[in-house]
Structure formats: structure tokens, C-alpha cells
Amino acid sequence: MTKLISLTEGVLGEEVNVKPNKIVAGHEPDKTNIFLQAMFQAATSGIDTAPIVRRILGLDDGEQAEADDGQDEAQAQAMAQAQAEEEAARQQAEAEAEAAAAAEAKRQKKKE
């Protein structure tokens, strides 16, 4: 939990005022909720978290350089695939909406 809080703070560049033991114990739900919202902002920010994670884990950048190159390529491919899937889903939703509108128009015409 401490590392997750540190990661969230590192991505956002601001302190999140929560205590890991209070979160785990279910205490201070208002602060936990604020933390969860901050974690969402961090997760959806699009910031590359690899350097922050390495810092938190205490890993040497030299040891991870080769692994990161492969991960960067894989991330780019995954992102491109996700964008293509999102676009396909959007187009399908538009087609379904058009079909529903056409069916409704046809029903309305029959009523007249």
C-alpha cells in the first residue's frame, strides 16, 4: 500500500494525505476515497510510470534499460491495439444507434 501511495504521489507530483494502515483497516473512508480518486487520476494521466516505479523499488536504471526497450515497444503496440479496438467499438455503437433510429422512424411511420 505504501508503494502504491508513493507511485500515485510521484505521478501527480503532490502529496496524498493518507496512511496505509488506516486504509487497510477501513478507517478514514473520506481520505481513502480521496486517495482512490487521486489513484484514478494517476492511472489515467498517460504518464510513463516506469521511472517512478524503478525509483520506488530501488532498481538501478542501467539494469532495467534493456528490459524497458522491449516493454516500451510492447506498450506502444498494446496502446495502438487498444485505440483500434476503441475506434471499432465507437463505430459499432454509432451503427447500432443509426439502426435503432431507423427502426424507430419506421415504427412511427407505420403508426401514421
PDB file of N, CA and C in Angstrom:
ATOM      1  N   MET A   1       0.831  -1.182   0.000  1.00  0.00           N
ATOM      2  CA  MET A   1       0.000   0.000   0.000  1.00  0.00           C
ATOM      3  C   MET A   1       0.883   1.255   0.000  1.00  0.00           C
ATOM      4  N   THR A   2       1.975   1.197   0.762  1.00  0.00           N
ATOM      5  CA  THR A   2       2.884   2.339   0.821  1.00  0.00           C
ATOM      6  C   THR A   2       3.461   2.642  -0.562  1.00  0.00           C
ATOM      7  N   LYS A   3       3.816   1.604  -1.302  1.00  0.00           N
ATOM      8  CA  LYS A   3       4.386   1.800  -2.637  1.00  0.00           C
ATOM      9  C   LYS A   3       3.339   2.358  -3.602  1.00  0.00           C
ATOM     10  N   LEU A   4       2.112   1.912  -3.476  1.00  0.00           N
ATOM     11  CA  LEU A   4       1.043   2.421  -4.324  1.00  0.00           C
ATOM     12  C   LEU A   4       0.786   3.904  -4.046  1.00  0.00           C
ATOM     13  N   ILE A   5       0.808   4.264  -2.796  1.00  0.00           N
ATOM     14  CA  ILE A   5       0.647   5.678  -2.435  1.00  0.00           C
ATOM     15  C   ILE A   5       1.815   6.491  -2.990  1.00  0.00           C
ATOM     16  N   SER A   6       3.041   5.965  -2.844  1.00  0.00           N
ATOM     17  CA  SER A   6       4.223   6.664  -3.371  1.00  0.00           C
ATOM     18  C   SER A   6       4.145   6.821  -4.881  1.00  0.00           C
ATOM     19  N   LEU A   7       3.677   5.789  -5.560  1.00  0.00           N
ATOM     20  CA  LEU A   7       3.539   5.861  -7.015  1.00  0.00           C
ATOM     21  C   LEU A   7       2.519   6.929  -7.404  1.00  0.00           C
ATOM     22  N   THR A   8       1.400   6.940  -6.730  1.00  0.00           N
ATOM     23  CA  THR A   8       0.358   7.937  -7.013  1.00  0.00           C
ATOM     24  C   THR A   8       0.890   9.344  -6.786  1.00  0.00           C
ATOM     25  N   GLU A   9       1.594   9.544  -5.690  1.00  0.00           N
ATOM     26  CA  GLU A   9       2.170  10.854  -5.400  1.00  0.00           C
ATOM     27  C   GLU A   9       3.218  11.232  -6.440  1.00  0.00           C
ATOM     28  N   GLY A  10       4.015  10.259  -6.865  1.00  0.00           N
ATOM     29  CA  GLY A  10       5.051  10.530  -7.860  1.00  0.00           C
ATOM     30  C   GLY A  10       4.478  10.938  -9.203  1.00  0.00           C
ATOM     31  N   VAL A  11       3.384  10.302  -9.609  1.00  0.00           N
ATOM     32  CA  VAL A  11       2.765  10.629 -10.891  1.00  0.00           C
ATOM     33  C   VAL A  11       2.087  11.993 -10.824  1.00  0.00           C
ATOM     34  N   LEU A  12       1.371  12.245  -9.736  1.00  0.00           N
ATOM     35  CA  LEU A  12       0.638  13.509  -9.614  1.00  0.00           C
ATOM     36  C   LEU A  12       1.528  14.676  -9.217  1.00  0.00           C
ATOM     37  N   GLY A  13       2.665  14.381  -8.594  1.00  0.00           N
ATOM     38  CA  GLY A  13       3.560  15.445  -8.151  1.00  0.00           C
ATOM     39  C   GLY A  13       3.041  16.183  -6.933  1.00  0.00           C
ATOM     40  N   GLU A  14       2.198  15.528  -6.161  1.00  0.00           N
ATOM     41  CA  GLU A  14       1.670  16.147  -4.948  1.00  0.00           C
ATOM     42  C   GLU A  14       1.457  15.070  -3.890  1.00  0.00           C
ATOM     43  N   GLU A  15       1.451  15.500  -2.649  1.00  0.00           N
ATOM     44  CA  GLU A  15       1.285  14.564  -1.541  1.00  0.00           C
ATOM     45  C   GLU A  15      -0.189  14.181  -1.391  1.00  0.00           C
ATOM     46  N   VAL A  16      -0.399  12.892  -1.118  1.00  0.00           N
ATOM     47  CA  VAL A  16      -1.740  12.399  -0.824  1.00  0.00           C
ATOM     48  C   VAL A  16      -1.756  12.091   0.670  1.00  0.00           C
ATOM     49  N   ASN A  17      -2.600  12.766   1.408  1.00  0.00           N
ATOM     50  CA  ASN A  17      -2.601  12.678   2.863  1.00  0.00           C
ATOM     51  C   ASN A  17      -3.410  11.472   3.351  1.00  0.00           C
ATOM     52  N   VAL A  18      -2.819  10.277   3.237  1.00  0.00           N
ATOM     53  CA  VAL A  18      -3.449   9.050   3.742  1.00  0.00           C
ATOM     54  C   VAL A  18      -2.390   8.202   4.432  1.00  0.00           C
ATOM     55  N   LYS A  19      -2.857   7.329   5.294  1.00  0.00           N
ATOM     56  CA  LYS A  19      -1.958   6.400   5.979  1.00  0.00           C
ATOM     57  C   LYS A  19      -2.341   4.991   5.561  1.00  0.00           C
ATOM     58  N   PRO A  20      -1.368   4.212   5.077  1.00  0.00           N
ATOM     59  CA  PRO A  20      -1.676   2.870   4.574  1.00  0.00           C
ATOM     60  C   PRO A  20      -2.396   1.992   5.598  1.00  0.00           C
ATOM     61  N   ASN A  21      -1.983   2.063   6.862  1.00  0.00           N
ATOM     62  CA  ASN A  21      -2.613   1.216   7.871  1.00  0.00           C
ATOM     63  C   ASN A  21      -4.072   1.604   8.099  1.00  0.00           C
ATOM     64  N   LYS A  22      -4.407   2.874   7.940  1.00  0.00           N
ATOM     65  CA  LYS A  22      -5.790   3.320   8.097  1.00  0.00           C
ATOM     66  C   LYS A  22      -6.653   2.833   6.922  1.00  0.00           C
ATOM     67  N   ILE A  23      -6.071   2.841   5.715  1.00  0.00           N
ATOM     68  CA  ILE A  23      -6.792   2.354   4.538  1.00  0.00           C
ATOM     69  C   ILE A  23      -7.112   0.872   4.701  1.00  0.00           C
ATOM     70  N   VAL A  24      -6.086   0.099   5.043  1.00  0.00           N
ATOM     71  CA  VAL A  24      -6.252  -1.349   5.172  1.00  0.00           C
ATOM     72  C   VAL A  24      -7.243  -1.694   6.278  1.00  0.00           C
ATOM     73  N   ALA A  25      -7.244  -0.914   7.345  1.00  0.00           N
ATOM     74  CA  ALA A  25      -8.138  -1.171   8.476  1.00  0.00           C
ATOM     75  C   ALA A  25      -9.559  -0.675   8.214  1.00  0.00           C
ATOM     76  N   GLY A  26      -9.756   0.066   7.126  1.00  0.00           N
ATOM     77  CA  GLY A  26     -11.085   0.577   6.819  1.00  0.00           C
ATOM     78  C   GLY A  26     -11.428   1.844   7.571  1.00  0.00           C
ATOM     79  N   HIS A  27     -10.432   2.484   8.138  1.00  0.00           N
ATOM     80  CA  HIS A  27     -10.646   3.734   8.858  1.00  0.00           C
ATOM     81  C   HIS A  27     -10.477   4.900   7.889  1.00  0.00           C
ATOM     82  N   GLU A  28     -10.986   6.042   8.255  1.00  0.00           N
ATOM     83  CA  GLU A  28     -10.881   7.267   7.459  1.00  0.00           C
ATOM     84  C   GLU A  28     -11.331   7.053   6.008  1.00  0.00           C
ATOM     85  N   PRO A  29     -12.574   6.630   5.812  1.00  0.00           N
ATOM     86  CA  PRO A  29     -13.045   6.373   4.449  1.00  0.00           C
ATOM     87  C   PRO A  29     -13.038   7.613   3.562  1.00  0.00           C
ATOM     88  N   ASP A  30     -13.206   8.793   4.159  1.00  0.00           N
ATOM     89  CA  ASP A  30     -13.167  10.009   3.355  1.00  0.00           C
ATOM     90  C   ASP A  30     -11.790  10.221   2.741  1.00  0.00           C
ATOM     91  N   LYS A  31     -10.746  10.001   3.531  1.00  0.00           N
ATOM     92  CA  LYS A  31      -9.381  10.143   3.000  1.00  0.00           C
ATOM     93  C   LYS A  31      -9.073   9.015   2.013  1.00  0.00           C
ATOM     94  N   THR A  32      -9.589   7.821   2.290  1.00  0.00           N
ATOM     95  CA  THR A  32      -9.394   6.698   1.371  1.00  0.00           C
ATOM     96  C   THR A  32     -10.050   7.011   0.029  1.00  0.00           C
ATOM     97  N   ASN A  33     -11.228   7.593   0.062  1.00  0.00           N
ATOM     98  CA  ASN A  33     -11.922   7.957  -1.164  1.00  0.00           C
ATOM     99  C   ASN A  33     -11.121   8.992  -1.955  1.00  0.00           C
ATOM    100  N   ILE A  34     -10.581   9.975  -1.276  1.00  0.00           N
ATOM    101  CA  ILE A  34      -9.751  10.981  -1.943  1.00  0.00           C
ATOM    102  C   ILE A  34      -8.524  10.317  -2.572  1.00  0.00           C
ATOM    103  N   PHE A  35      -7.930   9.374  -1.840  1.00  0.00           N
ATOM    104  CA  PHE A  35      -6.777   8.646  -2.385  1.00  0.00           C
ATOM    105  C   PHE A  35      -7.173   7.848  -3.627  1.00  0.00           C
ATOM    106  N   LEU A  36      -8.304   7.156  -3.589  1.00  0.00           N
ATOM    107  CA  LEU A  36      -8.751   6.371  -4.739  1.00  0.00           C
ATOM    108  C   LEU A  36      -8.977   7.263  -5.955  1.00  0.00           C
ATOM    109  N   GLN A  37      -9.514   8.448  -5.736  1.00  0.00           N
ATOM    110  CA  GLN A  37      -9.695   9.389  -6.836  1.00  0.00           C
ATOM    111  C   GLN A  37      -8.351   9.859  -7.389  1.00  0.00           C
ATOM    112  N   ALA A  38      -7.396  10.102  -6.484  1.00  0.00           N
ATOM    113  CA  ALA A  38      -6.048  10.505  -6.919  1.00  0.00           C
ATOM    114  C   ALA A  38      -5.384   9.367  -7.692  1.00  0.00           C
ATOM    115  N   MET A  39      -5.589   8.136  -7.229  1.00  0.00           N
ATOM    116  CA  MET A  39      -5.014   6.982  -7.914  1.00  0.00           C
ATOM    117  C   MET A  39      -5.615   6.861  -9.318  1.00  0.00           C
ATOM    118  N   PHE A  40      -6.913   7.117  -9.461  1.00  0.00           N
ATOM    119  CA  PHE A  40      -7.548   7.097 -10.779  1.00  0.00           C
ATOM    120  C   PHE A  40      -6.929   8.159 -11.683  1.00  0.00           C
ATOM    121  N   GLN A  41      -6.754   9.364 -11.151  1.00  0.00           N
ATOM    122  CA  GLN A  41      -6.139  10.440 -11.947  1.00  0.00           C
ATOM    123  C   GLN A  41      -4.747  10.028 -12.410  1.00  0.00           C
ATOM    124  N   ALA A  42      -3.983   9.422 -11.502  1.00  0.00           N
ATOM    125  CA  ALA A  42      -2.633   8.993 -11.855  1.00  0.00           C
ATOM    126  C   ALA A  42      -2.669   7.898 -12.921  1.00  0.00           C
ATOM    127  N   ALA A  43      -3.589   6.953 -12.745  1.00  0.00           N
ATOM    128  CA  ALA A  43      -3.668   5.824 -13.671  1.00  0.00           C
ATOM    129  C   ALA A  43      -4.105   6.239 -15.065  1.00  0.00           C
ATOM    130  N   THR A  44      -4.909   7.273 -15.165  1.00  0.00           N
ATOM    131  CA  THR A  44      -5.422   7.705 -16.464  1.00  0.00           C
ATOM    132  C   THR A  44      -4.679   8.916 -17.026  1.00  0.00           C
ATOM    133  N   SER A  45      -3.593   9.312 -16.384  1.00  0.00           N
ATOM    134  CA  SER A  45      -2.860  10.510 -16.809  1.00  0.00           C
ATOM    135  C   SER A  45      -2.049  10.298 -18.077  1.00  0.00           C
ATOM    136  N   GLY A  46      -1.718   9.051 -18.377  1.00  0.00           N
ATOM    137  CA  GLY A  46      -0.891   8.773 -19.552  1.00  0.00           C
ATOM    138  C   GLY A  46       0.589   8.961 -19.300  1.00  0.00           C
ATOM    139  N   ILE A  47       0.967   9.235 -18.065  1.00  0.00           N
ATOM    140  CA  ILE A  47       2.376   9.422 -17.717  1.00  0.00           C
ATOM    141  C   ILE A  47       3.060   8.063 -17.630  1.00  0.00           C
ATOM    142  N   ASP A  48       4.259   7.967 -18.190  1.00  0.00           N
ATOM    143  CA  ASP A  48       5.048   6.737 -18.096  1.00  0.00           C
ATOM    144  C   ASP A  48       5.518   6.577 -16.653  1.00  0.00           C
ATOM    145  N   THR A  49       5.037   5.547 -16.002  1.00  0.00           N
ATOM    146  CA  THR A  49       5.345   5.346 -14.590  1.00  0.00           C
ATOM    147  C   THR A  49       6.594   4.508 -14.359  1.00  0.00           C
ATOM    148  N   ALA A  50       7.185   3.968 -15.420  1.00  0.00           N
ATOM    149  CA  ALA A  50       8.336   3.084 -15.262  1.00  0.00           C
ATOM    150  C   ALA A  50       9.469   3.721 -14.444  1.00  0.00           C
ATOM    151  N   PRO A  51       9.867   4.965 -14.727  1.00  0.00           N
ATOM    152  CA  PRO A  51      10.943   5.559 -13.926  1.00  0.00           C
ATOM    153  C   PRO A  51      10.558   5.726 -12.454  1.00  0.00           C
ATOM    154  N   ILE A  52       9.310   6.050 -12.206  1.00  0.00           N
ATOM    155  CA  ILE A  52       8.853   6.234 -10.827  1.00  0.00           C
ATOM    156  C   ILE A  52       8.848   4.899 -10.101  1.00  0.00           C
ATOM    157  N   VAL A  53       8.384   3.863 -10.787  1.00  0.00           N
ATOM    158  CA  VAL A  53       8.364   2.524 -10.193  1.00  0.00           C
ATOM    159  C   VAL A  53       9.786   2.068  -9.881  1.00  0.00           C
ATOM    160  N   ARG A  54      10.709   2.288 -10.824  1.00  0.00           N
ATOM    161  CA  ARG A  54      12.106   1.893 -10.581  1.00  0.00           C
ATOM    162  C   ARG A  54      12.670   2.621  -9.369  1.00  0.00           C
ATOM    163  N   ARG A  55      12.354   3.903  -9.240  1.00  0.00           N
ATOM    164  CA  ARG A  55      12.838   4.669  -8.089  1.00  0.00           C
ATOM    165  C   ARG A  55      12.261   4.112  -6.794  1.00  0.00           C
ATOM    166  N   ILE A  56      10.969   3.844  -6.792  1.00  0.00           N
ATOM    167  CA  ILE A  56      10.312   3.320  -5.590  1.00  0.00           C
ATOM    168  C   ILE A  56      10.870   1.956  -5.211  1.00  0.00           C
ATOM    169  N   LEU A  57      11.122   1.123  -6.216  1.00  0.00           N
ATOM    170  CA  LEU A  57      11.644  -0.217  -5.947  1.00  0.00           C
ATOM    171  C   LEU A  57      13.143  -0.238  -5.713  1.00  0.00           C
ATOM    172  N   GLY A  58      13.804   0.898  -5.968  1.00  0.00           N
ATOM    173  CA  GLY A  58      15.242   0.982  -5.745  1.00  0.00           C
ATOM    174  C   GLY A  58      16.058   0.259  -6.800  1.00  0.00           C
ATOM    175  N   LEU A  59      15.531   0.135  -7.997  1.00  0.00           N
ATOM    176  CA  LEU A  59      16.238  -0.542  -9.085  1.00  0.00           C
ATOM    177  C   LEU A  59      17.154   0.436  -9.797  1.00  0.00           C
ATOM    178  N   ASP A  60      18.289  -0.076 -10.252  1.00  0.00           N
ATOM    179  CA  ASP A  60      19.247   0.739 -10.995  1.00  0.00           C
ATOM    180  C   ASP A  60      18.759   0.874 -12.427  1.00  0.00           C
ATOM    181  N   ASP A  61      18.777   2.098 -12.966  1.00  0.00           N
ATOM    182  CA  ASP A  61      18.326   2.322 -14.337  1.00  0.00           C
ATOM    183  C   ASP A  61      19.124   1.505 -15.342  1.00  0.00           C
ATOM    184  N   GLY A  62      20.406   1.297 -15.108  1.00  0.00           N
ATOM    185  CA  GLY A  62      21.239   0.527 -16.023  1.00  0.00           C
ATOM    186  C   GLY A  62      20.780  -0.907 -16.152  1.00  0.00           C
ATOM    187  N   GLU A  63      20.321  -1.496 -15.074  1.00  0.00           N
ATOM    188  CA  GLU A  63      19.860  -2.877 -15.092  1.00  0.00           C
ATOM    189  C   GLU A  63      18.565  -3.033 -15.860  1.00  0.00           C
ATOM    190  N   GLN A  64      17.776  -1.999 -15.870  1.00  0.00           N
ATOM    191  CA  GLN A  64      16.458  -2.088 -16.474  1.00  0.00           C
ATOM    192  C   GLN A  64      16.410  -1.566 -17.908  1.00  0.00           C
ATOM    193  N   ALA A  65      17.468  -0.963 -18.399  1.00  0.00           N
ATOM    194  CA  ALA A  65      17.431  -0.308 -19.707  1.00  0.00           C
ATOM    195  C   ALA A  65      17.022  -1.259 -20.823  1.00  0.00           C
ATOM    196  N   GLU A  66      17.614  -2.442 -20.868  1.00  0.00           N
ATOM    197  CA  GLU A  66      17.277  -3.389 -21.927  1.00  0.00           C
ATOM    198  C   GLU A  66      15.841  -3.872 -21.798  1.00  0.00           C
ATOM    199  N   ALA A  67      15.411  -4.163 -20.607  1.00  0.00           N
ATOM    200  CA  ALA A  67      14.044  -4.632 -20.391  1.00  0.00           C
ATOM    201  C   ALA A  67      13.038  -3.550 -20.768  1.00  0.00           C
ATOM    202  N   ASP A  68      13.369  -2.301 -20.462  1.00  0.00           N
ATOM    203  CA  ASP A  68      12.462  -1.201 -20.759  1.00  0.00           C
ATOM    204  C   ASP A  68      12.263  -1.008 -22.257  1.00  0.00           C
ATOM    205  N   ASP A  69      13.316  -1.229 -23.057  1.00  0.00           N
ATOM    206  CA  ASP A  69      13.183  -1.075 -24.503  1.00  0.00           C
ATOM    207  C   ASP A  69      12.120  -2.017 -25.045  1.00  0.00           C
ATOM    208  N   GLY A  70      12.150  -3.256 -24.619  1.00  0.00           N
ATOM    209  CA  GLY A  70      11.139  -4.221 -25.056  1.00  0.00           C
ATOM    210  C   GLY A  70       9.766  -3.877 -24.523  1.00  0.00           C
ATOM    211  N   GLN A  71       9.714  -3.403 -23.301  1.00  0.00           N
ATOM    212  CA  GLN A  71       8.424  -3.037 -22.714  1.00  0.00           C
ATOM    213  C   GLN A  71       7.835  -1.824 -23.414  1.00  0.00           C
ATOM    214  N   ASP A  72       8.678  -0.849 -23.790  1.00  0.00           N
ATOM    215  CA  ASP A  72       8.193   0.340 -24.479  1.00  0.00           C
ATOM    216  C   ASP A  72       7.553  -0.041 -25.809  1.00  0.00           C
ATOM    217  N   GLU A  73       8.205  -0.945 -26.541  1.00  0.00           N
ATOM    218  CA  GLU A  73       7.663  -1.408 -27.819  1.00  0.00           C
ATOM    219  C   GLU A  73       6.342  -2.137 -27.606  1.00  0.00           C
ATOM    220  N   ALA A  74       6.300  -2.998 -26.611  1.00  0.00           N
ATOM    221  CA  ALA A  74       5.079  -3.747 -26.315  1.00  0.00           C
ATOM    222  C   ALA A  74       3.969  -2.800 -25.875  1.00  0.00           C
ATOM    223  N   GLN A  75       4.327  -1.792 -25.084  1.00  0.00           N
ATOM    224  CA  GLN A  75       3.325  -0.813 -24.645  1.00  0.00           C
ATOM    225  C   GLN A  75       2.767  -0.048 -25.847  1.00  0.00           C
ATOM    226  N   ALA A  76       3.627   0.336 -26.753  1.00  0.00           N
ATOM    227  CA  ALA A  76       3.175   1.075 -27.930  1.00  0.00           C
ATOM    228  C   ALA A  76       2.233   0.225 -28.769  1.00  0.00           C
ATOM    229  N   GLN A  77       2.577  -1.051 -28.928  1.00  0.00           N
ATOM    230  CA  GLN A  77       1.714  -1.950 -29.698  1.00  0.00           C
ATOM    231  C   GLN A  77       0.378  -2.151 -28.988  1.00  0.00           C
ATOM    232  N   ALA A  78       0.428  -2.330 -27.675  1.00  0.00           N
ATOM    233  CA  ALA A  78      -0.806  -2.527 -26.911  1.00  0.00           C
ATOM    234  C   ALA A  78      -1.681  -1.283 -26.983  1.00  0.00           C
ATOM    235  N   MET A  79      -1.057  -0.119 -26.916  1.00  0.00           N
ATOM    236  CA  MET A  79      -1.814   1.125 -26.980  1.00  0.00           C
ATOM    237  C   MET A  79      -2.463   1.281 -28.355  1.00  0.00           C
ATOM    238  N   ALA A  80      -1.724   0.966 -29.409  1.00  0.00           N
ATOM    239  CA  ALA A  80      -2.272   1.064 -30.760  1.00  0.00           C
ATOM    240  C   ALA A  80      -3.437   0.097 -30.935  1.00  0.00           C
ATOM    241  N   GLN A  81      -3.294  -1.114 -30.410  1.00  0.00           N
ATOM    242  CA  GLN A  81      -4.369  -2.092 -30.498  1.00  0.00           C
ATOM    243  C   GLN A  81      -5.593  -1.624 -29.712  1.00  0.00           C
ATOM    244  N   ALA A  82      -5.360  -1.083 -28.526  1.00  0.00           N
ATOM    245  CA  ALA A  82      -6.473  -0.600 -27.706  1.00  0.00           C
ATOM    246  C   ALA A  82      -7.200   0.545 -28.411  1.00  0.00           C
ATOM    247  N   GLN A  83      -6.445   1.434 -29.047  1.00  0.00           N
ATOM    248  CA  GLN A  83      -7.063   2.546 -29.770  1.00  0.00           C
ATOM    249  C   GLN A  83      -7.877   2.035 -30.950  1.00  0.00           C
ATOM    250  N   ALA A  84      -7.348   1.022 -31.658  1.00  0.00           N
ATOM    251  CA  ALA A  84      -8.077   0.452 -32.788  1.00  0.00           C
ATOM    252  C   ALA A  84      -9.366  -0.215 -32.312  1.00  0.00           C
ATOM    253  N   GLU A  85      -9.287  -0.941 -31.197  1.00  0.00           N
ATOM    254  CA  GLU A  85     -10.479  -1.588 -30.644  1.00  0.00           C
ATOM    255  C   GLU A  85     -11.500  -0.551 -30.182  1.00  0.00           C
ATOM    256  N   GLU A  86     -11.016   0.521 -29.581  1.00  0.00           N
ATOM    257  CA  GLU A  86     -11.905   1.595 -29.130  1.00  0.00           C
ATOM    258  C   GLU A  86     -12.610   2.240 -30.315  1.00  0.00           C
ATOM    259  N   GLU A  87     -11.877   2.469 -31.382  1.00  0.00           N
ATOM    260  CA  GLU A  87     -12.462   3.058 -32.585  1.00  0.00           C
ATOM    261  C   GLU A  87     -13.498   2.119 -33.196  1.00  0.00           C
ATOM    262  N   ALA A  88     -13.195   0.836 -33.256  1.00  0.00           N
ATOM    263  CA  ALA A  88     -14.139  -0.146 -33.793  1.00  0.00           C
ATOM    264  C   ALA A  88     -15.410  -0.187 -32.940  1.00  0.00           C
ATOM    265  N   ALA A  89     -15.249  -0.135 -31.625  1.00  0.00           N
ATOM    266  CA  ALA A  89     -16.410  -0.138 -30.727  1.00  0.00           C
ATOM    267  C   ALA A  89     -17.242   1.125 -30.924  1.00  0.00           C
ATOM    268  N   ARG A  90     -16.576   2.251 -31.111  1.00  0.00           N
ATOM    269  CA  ARG A  90     -17.284   3.506 -31.339  1.00  0.00           C
ATOM    270  C   ARG A  90     -18.081   3.445 -32.636  1.00  0.00           C
ATOM    271  N   GLN A  91     -17.465   2.914 -33.688  1.00  0.00           N
ATOM    272  CA  GLN A  91     -18.153   2.805 -34.973  1.00  0.00           C
ATOM    273  C   GLN A  91     -19.341   1.856 -34.878  1.00  0.00           C
ATOM    274  N   GLN A  92     -19.160   0.755 -34.142  1.00  0.00           N
ATOM    275  CA  GLN A  92     -20.252  -0.194 -33.970  1.00  0.00           C
ATOM    276  C   GLN A  92     -21.402   0.448 -33.195  1.00  0.00           C
ATOM    277  N   ALA A  93     -21.080   1.197 -32.159  1.00  0.00           N
ATOM    278  CA  ALA A  93     -22.116   1.873 -31.376  1.00  0.00           C
ATOM    279  C   ALA A  93     -22.865   2.880 -32.238  1.00  0.00           C
ATOM    280  N   GLU A  94     -22.152   3.596 -33.088  1.00  0.00           N
ATOM    281  CA  GLU A  94     -22.800   4.551 -33.985  1.00  0.00           C
ATOM    282  C   GLU A  94     -23.725   3.835 -34.963  1.00  0.00           C
ATOM    283  N   ALA A  95     -23.268   2.709 -35.512  1.00  0.00           N
ATOM    284  CA  ALA A  95     -24.084   1.943 -36.456  1.00  0.00           C
ATOM    285  C   ALA A  95     -25.336   1.413 -35.765  1.00  0.00           C
ATOM    286  N   GLU A  96     -25.184   0.925 -34.529  1.00  0.00           N
ATOM    287  CA  GLU A  96     -26.341   0.429 -33.784  1.00  0.00           C
ATOM    288  C   GLU A  96     -27.315   1.555 -33.478  1.00  0.00           C
ATOM    289  N   ALA A  97     -26.800   2.727 -33.139  1.00  0.00           N
ATOM    290  CA  ALA A  97     -27.665   3.876 -32.863  1.00  0.00           C
ATOM    291  C   ALA A  97     -28.421   4.291 -34.122  1.00  0.00           C
ATOM    292  N   GLU A  98     -27.751   4.282 -35.256  1.00  0.00           N
ATOM    293  CA  GLU A  98     -28.409   4.625 -36.522  1.00  0.00           C
ATOM    294  C   GLU A  98     -29.486   3.608 -36.861  1.00  0.00           C
ATOM    295  N   ALA A  99     -29.184   2.324 -36.646  1.00  0.00           N
ATOM    296  CA  ALA A  99     -30.164   1.278 -36.928  1.00  0.00           C
ATOM    297  C   ALA A  99     -31.376   1.414 -36.012  1.00  0.00           C
ATOM    298  N   ALA A 100     -31.132   1.717 -34.753  1.00  0.00           N
ATOM    299  CA  ALA A 100     -32.240   1.905 -33.804  1.00  0.00           C
ATOM    300  C   ALA A 100     -33.081   3.105 -34.199  1.00  0.00           C
ATOM    301  N   ALA A 101     -32.446   4.184 -34.623  1.00  0.00           N
ATOM    302  CA  ALA A 101     -33.174   5.378 -35.050  1.00  0.00           C
ATOM    303  C   ALA A 101     -33.999   5.085 -36.295  1.00  0.00           C
ATOM    304  N   ALA A 102     -33.437   4.321 -37.216  1.00  0.00           N
ATOM    305  CA  ALA A 102     -34.164   3.968 -38.433  1.00  0.00           C
ATOM    306  C   ALA A 102     -35.365   3.087 -38.103  1.00  0.00           C
ATOM    307  N   ALA A 103     -35.184   2.136 -37.196  1.00  0.00           N
ATOM    308  CA  ALA A 103     -36.286   1.266 -36.789  1.00  0.00           C
ATOM    309  C   ALA A 103     -37.385   2.066 -36.106  1.00  0.00           C
ATOM    310  N   GLU A 104     -37.000   3.001 -35.283  1.00  0.00           N
ATOM    311  CA  GLU A 104     -37.986   3.849 -34.594  1.00  0.00           C
ATOM    312  C   GLU A 104     -38.736   4.708 -35.600  1.00  0.00           C
ATOM    313  N   ALA A 105     -38.028   5.245 -36.559  1.00  0.00           N
ATOM    314  CA  ALA A 105     -38.674   6.057 -37.592  1.00  0.00           C
ATOM    315  C   ALA A 105     -39.666   5.213 -38.389  1.00  0.00           C
ATOM    316  N   LYS A 106     -39.291   3.982 -38.672  1.00  0.00           N
ATOM    317  CA  LYS A 106     -40.164   3.074 -39.396  1.00  0.00           C
ATOM    318  C   LYS A 106     -41.420   2.765 -38.583  1.00  0.00           C
ATOM    319  N   ARG A 107     -41.268   2.541 -37.274  1.00  0.00           N
ATOM    320  CA  ARG A 107     -42.418   2.289 -36.400  1.00  0.00           C
ATOM    321  C   ARG A 107     -43.348   3.509 -36.357  1.00  0.00           C
ATOM    322  N   GLN A 108     -42.738   4.672 -36.266  1.00  0.00           N
ATOM    323  CA  GLN A 108     -43.531   5.895 -36.228  1.00  0.00           C
ATOM    324  C   GLN A 108     -44.314   6.078 -37.528  1.00  0.00           C
ATOM    325  N   LYS A 109     -43.677   5.723 -38.632  1.00  0.00           N
ATOM    326  CA  LYS A 109     -44.319   5.874 -39.947  1.00  0.00           C
ATOM    327  C   LYS A 109     -45.501   4.923 -40.057  1.00  0.00           C
ATOM    328  N   LYS A 110     -45.354   3.700 -39.518  1.00  0.00           N
ATOM    329  CA  LYS A 110     -46.447   2.717 -39.552  1.00  0.00           C
ATOM    330  C   LYS A 110     -47.635   3.192 -38.730  1.00  0.00           C
ATOM    331  N   LYS A 111     -47.349   3.876 -37.610  1.00  0.00           N
ATOM    332  CA  LYS A 111     -48.433   4.380 -36.760  1.00  0.00           C
ATOM    333  C   LYS A 111     -49.264   5.427 -37.486  1.00  0.00           C
ATOM    334  N   GLU A 112     -48.631   6.177 -38.349  1.00  0.00           N
ATOM    335  CA  GLU A 112     -49.325   7.250 -39.066  1.00  0.00           C
ATOM    336  C   GLU A 112     -50.133   6.650 -40.147  1.00  0.00           C
TER     337      GLU A 112
END
